Amino acid sequence: MRTDRGMQRNYRLASIFWLIIGIFVAISAYRLGLSRYGQPGPGLIFFLASFVLIISSVVDLGGIFFRKSQQGSREFIWAGTRWPRALLVLGALFAYVFLLNILGFILSTFVLMAFLFAVVEPRSWWTTILISLITIMAAYGIFKFWLQVPFPEGLLGF
C-alpha cells in the first residue's frame, strides 16, 4: 500500500500535468484566433475550455497542499469519488461525440440526457423523459434560433 507522501506526490504530478496541458491548449487556441471582426473565432471555445482546465488544476493543486481533515490528518481531494459513475459519464460523452453527426443533435442529445438521468443519477422514467425533452428544447431554442448555430441534422433530417 502506498504511503501518504507517495499518494500526495502522484496527485501533485497529475495536477501539474493537467495544468501544463491547459496552458498548451490555451496557447494553441490563442494562435487559432479568439475572435474575428466581432465574431467568435475558431479558438474561442478551446481557449475557454483550457481556462477551466487551468483553474481546476490550480484549485486541485492548492487543495493538495492545504486541505486537512477534521482529525488533522491529510484528506485527498478525490477521496469518495464514485468512479464507476464518472466512467459511465465519460463513456457516454465519448459515445455522444461519435453519434452526434450520425443521429443529429436532437436525437443524440436526447439519448445522452436520458442515459444520464436514468442510469447515472437514477430517476423515474417519466421524470427522465420530461427533463430530457425540456433540456433539448431549451438548448435547441437558444442555439438554433437565438444564436443561430447550425446543428448536425443526422439520418432523420432533424
N, C-alpha and C. Protein backbone atom coordinates (compact mmCIF):
# COMPACT_ATOMS: atom_id res chain seq x y z
N MET A 1 0.85 -1.18 0.00
CA MET A 1 0.00 0.00 0.00
C MET A 1 0.89 1.24 0.00
N ARG A 2 0.46 2.24 -0.73
CA ARG A 2 1.25 3.46 -0.87
C ARG A 2 1.19 4.29 0.40
N THR A 3 2.26 5.00 0.59
CA THR A 3 2.30 5.89 1.74
C THR A 3 1.54 7.16 1.43
N ASP A 4 1.28 7.93 2.47
CA ASP A 4 0.59 9.20 2.34
C ASP A 4 1.39 10.15 1.44
N ARG A 5 2.71 10.17 1.61
CA ARG A 5 3.56 11.03 0.80
C ARG A 5 3.58 10.61 -0.66
N GLY A 6 3.60 9.33 -0.91
CA GLY A 6 3.61 8.83 -2.29
C GLY A 6 2.34 9.21 -3.02
N MET A 7 1.22 9.11 -2.36
CA MET A 7 -0.05 9.48 -2.99
C MET A 7 -0.12 10.99 -3.20
N GLN A 8 0.38 11.76 -2.26
CA GLN A 8 0.41 13.21 -2.42
C GLN A 8 1.25 13.60 -3.63
N ARG A 9 2.38 12.94 -3.78
CA ARG A 9 3.26 13.22 -4.92
C ARG A 9 2.55 12.90 -6.22
N ASN A 10 1.84 11.78 -6.29
CA ASN A 10 1.11 11.41 -7.51
C ASN A 10 0.00 12.41 -7.81
N TYR A 11 -0.73 12.83 -6.80
CA TYR A 11 -1.78 13.84 -7.02
C TYR A 11 -1.18 15.16 -7.49
N ARG A 12 -0.07 15.52 -6.89
CA ARG A 12 0.60 16.77 -7.29
C ARG A 12 1.07 16.68 -8.74
N LEU A 13 1.67 15.56 -9.13
CA LEU A 13 2.13 15.38 -10.50
C LEU A 13 0.97 15.40 -11.49
N ALA A 14 -0.15 14.79 -11.13
CA ALA A 14 -1.31 14.79 -12.01
C ALA A 14 -1.85 16.20 -12.19
N SER A 15 -1.92 16.97 -11.12
CA SER A 15 -2.39 18.35 -11.22
C SER A 15 -1.47 19.19 -12.07
N ILE A 16 -0.17 19.01 -11.91
CA ILE A 16 0.80 19.75 -12.72
C ILE A 16 0.68 19.34 -14.19
N PHE A 17 0.50 18.05 -14.45
CA PHE A 17 0.31 17.57 -15.82
C PHE A 17 -0.88 18.26 -16.49
N TRP A 18 -2.03 18.30 -15.81
CA TRP A 18 -3.22 18.93 -16.40
C TRP A 18 -3.06 20.44 -16.51
N LEU A 19 -2.31 21.04 -15.62
CA LEU A 19 -2.01 22.47 -15.72
C LEU A 19 -1.19 22.75 -16.98
N ILE A 20 -0.20 21.93 -17.24
CA ILE A 20 0.63 22.09 -18.44
C ILE A 20 -0.21 21.87 -19.71
N ILE A 21 -1.06 20.84 -19.70
CA ILE A 21 -1.94 20.60 -20.86
C ILE A 21 -2.85 21.80 -21.07
N GLY A 22 -3.42 22.35 -20.01
CA GLY A 22 -4.30 23.50 -20.12
C GLY A 22 -3.59 24.71 -20.70
N ILE A 23 -2.36 24.95 -20.25
CA ILE A 23 -1.59 26.08 -20.78
C ILE A 23 -1.27 25.86 -22.26
N PHE A 24 -0.89 24.65 -22.62
CA PHE A 24 -0.59 24.34 -24.02
C PHE A 24 -1.82 24.56 -24.91
N VAL A 25 -2.98 24.08 -24.46
CA VAL A 25 -4.21 24.25 -25.25
C VAL A 25 -4.58 25.73 -25.33
N ALA A 26 -4.39 26.48 -24.25
CA ALA A 26 -4.71 27.91 -24.27
C ALA A 26 -3.84 28.64 -25.28
N ILE A 27 -2.56 28.33 -25.31
CA ILE A 27 -1.65 28.98 -26.27
C ILE A 27 -2.03 28.60 -27.70
N SER A 28 -2.31 27.31 -27.91
CA SER A 28 -2.70 26.85 -29.25
C SER A 28 -4.01 27.48 -29.70
N ALA A 29 -4.97 27.59 -28.80
CA ALA A 29 -6.26 28.19 -29.13
C ALA A 29 -6.10 29.68 -29.43
N TYR A 30 -5.24 30.34 -28.70
CA TYR A 30 -4.99 31.76 -28.95
C TYR A 30 -4.39 31.96 -30.34
N ARG A 31 -3.51 31.05 -30.74
CA ARG A 31 -2.92 31.13 -32.08
C ARG A 31 -3.96 30.91 -33.17
N LEU A 32 -4.99 30.09 -32.89
CA LEU A 32 -6.08 29.89 -33.87
C LEU A 32 -6.90 31.16 -34.04
N GLY A 33 -6.99 31.94 -33.01
CA GLY A 33 -7.76 33.18 -33.05
C GLY A 33 -8.99 33.09 -32.17
N LEU A 34 -9.14 34.09 -31.30
CA LEU A 34 -10.28 34.09 -30.38
C LEU A 34 -11.49 34.77 -30.97
N SER A 35 -11.27 35.78 -31.80
CA SER A 35 -12.40 36.43 -32.46
C SER A 35 -11.90 37.11 -33.73
N ARG A 36 -12.83 37.24 -34.67
CA ARG A 36 -12.54 37.91 -35.93
C ARG A 36 -13.71 38.79 -36.29
N TYR A 37 -13.44 40.06 -36.42
CA TYR A 37 -14.46 41.02 -36.82
C TYR A 37 -15.70 40.94 -35.93
N GLY A 38 -15.49 40.80 -34.65
CA GLY A 38 -16.60 40.76 -33.70
C GLY A 38 -17.31 39.43 -33.63
N GLN A 39 -16.86 38.43 -34.37
CA GLN A 39 -17.45 37.09 -34.36
C GLN A 39 -16.51 36.13 -33.63
N PRO A 40 -17.05 35.13 -32.95
CA PRO A 40 -16.18 34.16 -32.27
C PRO A 40 -15.26 33.47 -33.27
N GLY A 41 -14.00 33.37 -32.90
CA GLY A 41 -13.02 32.70 -33.75
C GLY A 41 -12.97 31.21 -33.48
N PRO A 42 -12.20 30.47 -34.29
CA PRO A 42 -12.14 29.01 -34.13
C PRO A 42 -11.49 28.56 -32.83
N GLY A 43 -10.72 29.42 -32.19
CA GLY A 43 -10.04 29.02 -30.96
C GLY A 43 -10.75 29.40 -29.68
N LEU A 44 -11.87 30.12 -29.79
CA LEU A 44 -12.51 30.64 -28.59
C LEU A 44 -12.98 29.56 -27.63
N ILE A 45 -13.70 28.57 -28.12
CA ILE A 45 -14.24 27.54 -27.23
C ILE A 45 -13.12 26.71 -26.60
N PHE A 46 -12.04 26.48 -27.37
CA PHE A 46 -10.91 25.73 -26.82
C PHE A 46 -10.17 26.56 -25.77
N PHE A 47 -10.09 27.86 -26.01
CA PHE A 47 -9.46 28.75 -25.04
C PHE A 47 -10.25 28.77 -23.74
N LEU A 48 -11.57 28.87 -23.83
CA LEU A 48 -12.41 28.88 -22.64
C LEU A 48 -12.32 27.55 -21.89
N ALA A 49 -12.31 26.44 -22.64
CA ALA A 49 -12.20 25.13 -22.01
C ALA A 49 -10.84 24.97 -21.32
N SER A 50 -9.78 25.47 -21.96
CA SER A 50 -8.46 25.38 -21.34
C SER A 50 -8.38 26.26 -20.10
N PHE A 51 -9.09 27.38 -20.11
CA PHE A 51 -9.13 28.25 -18.94
C PHE A 51 -9.77 27.50 -17.76
N VAL A 52 -10.85 26.78 -18.02
CA VAL A 52 -11.50 25.99 -16.97
C VAL A 52 -10.54 24.90 -16.47
N LEU A 53 -9.82 24.26 -17.39
CA LEU A 53 -8.86 23.22 -17.00
C LEU A 53 -7.73 23.80 -16.16
N ILE A 54 -7.23 24.96 -16.52
CA ILE A 54 -6.17 25.61 -15.76
C ILE A 54 -6.65 25.95 -14.35
N ILE A 55 -7.82 26.57 -14.26
CA ILE A 55 -8.36 26.93 -12.94
C ILE A 55 -8.58 25.68 -12.09
N SER A 56 -9.14 24.63 -12.68
CA SER A 56 -9.37 23.38 -11.94
C SER A 56 -8.07 22.78 -11.46
N SER A 57 -7.04 22.81 -12.29
CA SER A 57 -5.75 22.26 -11.90
C SER A 57 -5.13 23.05 -10.75
N VAL A 58 -5.23 24.36 -10.83
CA VAL A 58 -4.67 25.19 -9.76
C VAL A 58 -5.42 24.95 -8.45
N VAL A 59 -6.74 24.87 -8.52
CA VAL A 59 -7.53 24.60 -7.31
C VAL A 59 -7.17 23.22 -6.75
N ASP A 60 -7.06 22.23 -7.63
CA ASP A 60 -6.71 20.88 -7.21
C ASP A 60 -5.32 20.86 -6.57
N LEU A 61 -4.39 21.54 -7.20
CA LEU A 61 -3.03 21.61 -6.67
C LEU A 61 -3.00 22.31 -5.33
N GLY A 62 -3.73 23.40 -5.21
CA GLY A 62 -3.82 24.10 -3.93
C GLY A 62 -4.45 23.25 -2.85
N GLY A 63 -5.46 22.49 -3.23
CA GLY A 63 -6.14 21.63 -2.27
C GLY A 63 -5.23 20.53 -1.73
N ILE A 64 -4.31 20.07 -2.54
CA ILE A 64 -3.38 19.03 -2.09
C ILE A 64 -2.49 19.57 -0.98
N PHE A 65 -2.10 20.82 -1.09
CA PHE A 65 -1.20 21.41 -0.10
C PHE A 65 -1.92 21.89 1.15
N PHE A 66 -3.18 22.30 1.01
CA PHE A 66 -3.84 22.99 2.12
C PHE A 66 -4.99 22.24 2.78
N ARG A 67 -5.52 21.20 2.18
CA ARG A 67 -6.69 20.53 2.75
C ARG A 67 -6.28 19.57 3.85
N LYS A 68 -6.95 19.70 4.95
CA LYS A 68 -6.76 18.78 6.07
C LYS A 68 -8.13 18.34 6.55
N SER A 69 -8.22 17.11 7.03
CA SER A 69 -9.49 16.64 7.55
C SER A 69 -9.70 17.17 8.96
N GLN A 70 -10.84 16.88 9.53
CA GLN A 70 -11.16 17.38 10.86
C GLN A 70 -10.27 16.73 11.93
N GLN A 71 -9.77 15.55 11.66
CA GLN A 71 -8.92 14.88 12.63
C GLN A 71 -7.47 15.37 12.54
N GLY A 72 -7.17 16.25 11.57
CA GLY A 72 -5.81 16.76 11.46
C GLY A 72 -4.96 16.01 10.46
N SER A 73 -5.40 14.85 9.99
CA SER A 73 -4.62 14.12 9.00
C SER A 73 -4.99 14.61 7.60
N ARG A 74 -4.16 14.32 6.64
CA ARG A 74 -4.39 14.74 5.26
C ARG A 74 -5.58 13.97 4.67
N GLU A 75 -6.38 14.72 3.91
CA GLU A 75 -7.51 14.11 3.21
C GLU A 75 -7.35 14.45 1.73
N PHE A 76 -7.44 13.47 0.86
CA PHE A 76 -7.23 13.69 -0.56
C PHE A 76 -8.50 14.17 -1.23
N ILE A 77 -8.33 15.04 -2.21
CA ILE A 77 -9.47 15.66 -2.89
C ILE A 77 -10.35 14.60 -3.57
N TRP A 78 -9.75 13.58 -4.15
CA TRP A 78 -10.51 12.58 -4.91
C TRP A 78 -11.09 11.48 -4.02
N ALA A 79 -10.86 11.53 -2.72
CA ALA A 79 -11.40 10.52 -1.82
C ALA A 79 -12.93 10.59 -1.87
N GLY A 80 -13.56 9.47 -1.98
CA GLY A 80 -15.02 9.41 -2.01
C GLY A 80 -15.62 9.60 -3.39
N THR A 81 -14.79 9.73 -4.42
CA THR A 81 -15.31 9.88 -5.78
C THR A 81 -15.94 8.56 -6.21
N ARG A 82 -17.09 8.66 -6.83
CA ARG A 82 -17.78 7.46 -7.32
C ARG A 82 -17.27 7.16 -8.72
N TRP A 83 -16.18 6.41 -8.81
CA TRP A 83 -15.50 6.17 -10.08
C TRP A 83 -16.36 5.46 -11.11
N PRO A 84 -17.17 4.46 -10.75
CA PRO A 84 -18.00 3.84 -11.79
C PRO A 84 -18.93 4.85 -12.48
N ARG A 85 -19.51 5.75 -11.72
CA ARG A 85 -20.38 6.77 -12.33
C ARG A 85 -19.58 7.73 -13.19
N ALA A 86 -18.41 8.12 -12.72
CA ALA A 86 -17.56 9.02 -13.51
C ALA A 86 -17.18 8.38 -14.83
N LEU A 87 -16.86 7.10 -14.81
CA LEU A 87 -16.51 6.40 -16.05
C LEU A 87 -17.72 6.23 -16.96
N LEU A 88 -18.91 6.04 -16.40
CA LEU A 88 -20.13 5.98 -17.21
C LEU A 88 -20.37 7.31 -17.93
N VAL A 89 -20.19 8.41 -17.22
CA VAL A 89 -20.38 9.73 -17.82
C VAL A 89 -19.35 9.95 -18.92
N LEU A 90 -18.10 9.60 -18.67
CA LEU A 90 -17.06 9.76 -19.66
C LEU A 90 -17.35 8.92 -20.91
N GLY A 91 -17.78 7.68 -20.72
CA GLY A 91 -18.14 6.82 -21.85
C GLY A 91 -19.34 7.37 -22.62
N ALA A 92 -20.31 7.90 -21.89
CA ALA A 92 -21.49 8.48 -22.55
C ALA A 92 -21.11 9.70 -23.37
N LEU A 93 -20.20 10.52 -22.88
CA LEU A 93 -19.76 11.69 -23.64
C LEU A 93 -18.99 11.30 -24.89
N PHE A 94 -18.16 10.27 -24.80
CA PHE A 94 -17.46 9.78 -25.99
C PHE A 94 -18.46 9.25 -27.02
N ALA A 95 -19.45 8.50 -26.57
CA ALA A 95 -20.47 7.99 -27.48
C ALA A 95 -21.26 9.14 -28.10
N TYR A 96 -21.55 10.16 -27.31
CA TYR A 96 -22.29 11.33 -27.80
C TYR A 96 -21.53 12.03 -28.93
N VAL A 97 -20.24 12.23 -28.72
CA VAL A 97 -19.43 12.88 -29.75
C VAL A 97 -19.42 12.03 -31.03
N PHE A 98 -19.32 10.74 -30.87
CA PHE A 98 -19.30 9.84 -32.02
C PHE A 98 -20.65 9.84 -32.75
N LEU A 99 -21.75 9.84 -32.02
CA LEU A 99 -23.09 9.73 -32.61
C LEU A 99 -23.71 11.05 -33.04
N LEU A 100 -23.12 12.17 -32.65
CA LEU A 100 -23.71 13.47 -32.94
C LEU A 100 -23.92 13.70 -34.43
N ASN A 101 -22.94 13.43 -35.25
CA ASN A 101 -23.09 13.63 -36.69
C ASN A 101 -23.93 12.55 -37.35
N ILE A 102 -24.00 11.39 -36.75
CA ILE A 102 -24.78 10.29 -37.33
C ILE A 102 -26.26 10.46 -37.03
N LEU A 103 -26.60 10.66 -35.76
CA LEU A 103 -28.01 10.75 -35.35
C LEU A 103 -28.55 12.18 -35.37
N GLY A 104 -27.67 13.17 -35.37
CA GLY A 104 -28.10 14.56 -35.30
C GLY A 104 -28.18 15.03 -33.86
N PHE A 105 -28.30 16.35 -33.71
CA PHE A 105 -28.27 16.95 -32.37
C PHE A 105 -29.43 16.49 -31.50
N ILE A 106 -30.64 16.55 -32.03
CA ILE A 106 -31.82 16.30 -31.20
C ILE A 106 -31.83 14.87 -30.66
N LEU A 107 -31.68 13.91 -31.54
CA LEU A 107 -31.77 12.51 -31.12
C LEU A 107 -30.59 12.10 -30.23
N SER A 108 -29.37 12.48 -30.62
CA SER A 108 -28.21 12.08 -29.81
C SER A 108 -28.22 12.77 -28.44
N THR A 109 -28.66 14.03 -28.39
CA THR A 109 -28.73 14.72 -27.10
C THR A 109 -29.81 14.12 -26.22
N PHE A 110 -30.93 13.74 -26.82
CA PHE A 110 -31.99 13.09 -26.04
C PHE A 110 -31.47 11.78 -25.44
N VAL A 111 -30.77 10.99 -26.24
CA VAL A 111 -30.23 9.71 -25.75
C VAL A 111 -29.23 9.96 -24.62
N LEU A 112 -28.35 10.96 -24.80
CA LEU A 112 -27.38 11.28 -23.76
C LEU A 112 -28.08 11.70 -22.46
N MET A 113 -29.00 12.63 -22.56
CA MET A 113 -29.68 13.13 -21.36
C MET A 113 -30.48 12.02 -20.69
N ALA A 114 -31.17 11.21 -21.47
CA ALA A 114 -31.94 10.10 -20.90
C ALA A 114 -31.01 9.13 -20.18
N PHE A 115 -29.86 8.84 -20.79
CA PHE A 115 -28.90 7.95 -20.15
C PHE A 115 -28.41 8.52 -18.82
N LEU A 116 -28.05 9.81 -18.85
CA LEU A 116 -27.52 10.43 -17.63
C LEU A 116 -28.57 10.47 -16.53
N PHE A 117 -29.81 10.79 -16.89
CA PHE A 117 -30.86 10.89 -15.86
C PHE A 117 -31.37 9.52 -15.42
N ALA A 118 -31.30 8.52 -16.28
CA ALA A 118 -31.84 7.20 -15.92
C ALA A 118 -30.79 6.29 -15.29
N VAL A 119 -29.56 6.34 -15.76
CA VAL A 119 -28.55 5.39 -15.30
C VAL A 119 -27.58 6.01 -14.29
N VAL A 120 -27.05 7.17 -14.60
CA VAL A 120 -26.03 7.76 -13.74
C VAL A 120 -26.64 8.30 -12.45
N GLU A 121 -27.70 9.06 -12.56
CA GLU A 121 -28.45 9.55 -11.39
C GLU A 121 -29.89 9.07 -11.55
N PRO A 122 -30.18 7.85 -11.12
CA PRO A 122 -31.48 7.23 -11.41
C PRO A 122 -32.68 8.07 -10.96
N ARG A 123 -33.62 8.20 -11.89
CA ARG A 123 -34.89 8.88 -11.67
C ARG A 123 -35.97 8.03 -12.32
N SER A 124 -37.21 8.39 -12.09
CA SER A 124 -38.29 7.66 -12.75
C SER A 124 -38.24 7.92 -14.24
N TRP A 125 -38.85 7.03 -15.04
CA TRP A 125 -38.82 7.18 -16.49
C TRP A 125 -39.55 8.44 -16.93
N TRP A 126 -40.64 8.78 -16.27
CA TRP A 126 -41.37 10.00 -16.65
C TRP A 126 -40.53 11.24 -16.40
N THR A 127 -39.88 11.28 -15.28
CA THR A 127 -39.01 12.41 -14.97
C THR A 127 -37.85 12.48 -15.95
N THR A 128 -37.26 11.32 -16.25
CA THR A 128 -36.15 11.26 -17.19
C THR A 128 -36.55 11.80 -18.56
N ILE A 129 -37.66 11.35 -19.09
CA ILE A 129 -38.11 11.79 -20.41
C ILE A 129 -38.47 13.27 -20.40
N LEU A 130 -39.17 13.71 -19.38
CA LEU A 130 -39.58 15.11 -19.30
C LEU A 130 -38.38 16.05 -19.20
N ILE A 131 -37.44 15.76 -18.31
CA ILE A 131 -36.27 16.62 -18.16
C ILE A 131 -35.41 16.58 -19.42
N SER A 132 -35.28 15.42 -20.05
CA SER A 132 -34.52 15.33 -21.29
C SER A 132 -35.13 16.18 -22.39
N LEU A 133 -36.45 16.12 -22.53
CA LEU A 133 -37.13 16.93 -23.54
C LEU A 133 -37.01 18.43 -23.26
N ILE A 134 -37.15 18.81 -22.01
CA ILE A 134 -37.02 20.23 -21.65
C ILE A 134 -35.60 20.72 -21.93
N THR A 135 -34.61 19.90 -21.61
CA THR A 135 -33.21 20.26 -21.86
C THR A 135 -32.96 20.44 -23.35
N ILE A 136 -33.45 19.52 -24.16
CA ILE A 136 -33.25 19.61 -25.61
C ILE A 136 -33.95 20.83 -26.18
N MET A 137 -35.19 21.07 -25.77
CA MET A 137 -35.92 22.23 -26.29
C MET A 137 -35.22 23.54 -25.91
N ALA A 138 -34.73 23.63 -24.69
CA ALA A 138 -34.06 24.85 -24.25
C ALA A 138 -32.75 25.05 -25.02
N ALA A 139 -31.95 24.00 -25.12
CA ALA A 139 -30.67 24.11 -25.83
C ALA A 139 -30.90 24.40 -27.31
N TYR A 140 -31.85 23.69 -27.91
CA TYR A 140 -32.13 23.90 -29.34
C TYR A 140 -32.65 25.32 -29.58
N GLY A 141 -33.52 25.78 -28.72
CA GLY A 141 -34.05 27.13 -28.87
C GLY A 141 -32.98 28.19 -28.74
N ILE A 142 -32.14 28.04 -27.74
CA ILE A 142 -31.09 29.03 -27.51
C ILE A 142 -30.08 29.03 -28.66
N PHE A 143 -29.57 27.85 -29.01
CA PHE A 143 -28.51 27.80 -30.00
C PHE A 143 -29.00 27.93 -31.44
N LYS A 144 -30.11 27.31 -31.77
CA LYS A 144 -30.58 27.34 -33.15
C LYS A 144 -31.24 28.67 -33.51
N PHE A 145 -32.15 29.13 -32.68
CA PHE A 145 -32.94 30.30 -33.04
C PHE A 145 -32.33 31.62 -32.54
N TRP A 146 -31.83 31.63 -31.32
CA TRP A 146 -31.30 32.88 -30.77
C TRP A 146 -29.87 33.14 -31.26
N LEU A 147 -28.97 32.14 -31.12
CA LEU A 147 -27.58 32.31 -31.53
C LEU A 147 -27.32 31.90 -32.98
N GLN A 148 -28.30 31.26 -33.60
CA GLN A 148 -28.24 30.83 -35.00
C GLN A 148 -27.04 29.93 -35.28
N VAL A 149 -26.84 28.95 -34.42
CA VAL A 149 -25.77 27.98 -34.58
C VAL A 149 -26.33 26.78 -35.35
N PRO A 150 -25.71 26.39 -36.46
CA PRO A 150 -26.21 25.21 -37.18
C PRO A 150 -25.84 23.93 -36.44
N PHE A 151 -26.77 22.98 -36.44
CA PHE A 151 -26.55 21.70 -35.80
C PHE A 151 -26.47 20.61 -36.86
N PRO A 152 -25.76 19.51 -36.56
CA PRO A 152 -25.79 18.37 -37.47
C PRO A 152 -27.20 17.77 -37.50
N GLU A 153 -27.67 17.49 -38.73
CA GLU A 153 -29.05 17.00 -38.86
C GLU A 153 -29.18 15.51 -38.67
N GLY A 154 -28.20 14.73 -39.06
CA GLY A 154 -28.24 13.30 -38.85
C GLY A 154 -29.09 12.57 -39.87
N LEU A 155 -29.32 11.29 -39.61
CA LEU A 155 -30.03 10.41 -40.55
C LEU A 155 -31.49 10.80 -40.75
N LEU A 156 -32.14 11.26 -39.71
CA LEU A 156 -33.57 11.56 -39.80
C LEU A 156 -33.86 12.96 -40.32
N GLY A 157 -32.85 13.78 -40.54
CA GLY A 157 -33.02 15.10 -41.10
C GLY A 157 -33.41 16.16 -40.09
N PHE A 158 -33.26 15.91 -38.80
CA PHE A 158 -33.52 16.96 -37.79
C PHE A 158 -32.53 16.83 -36.67
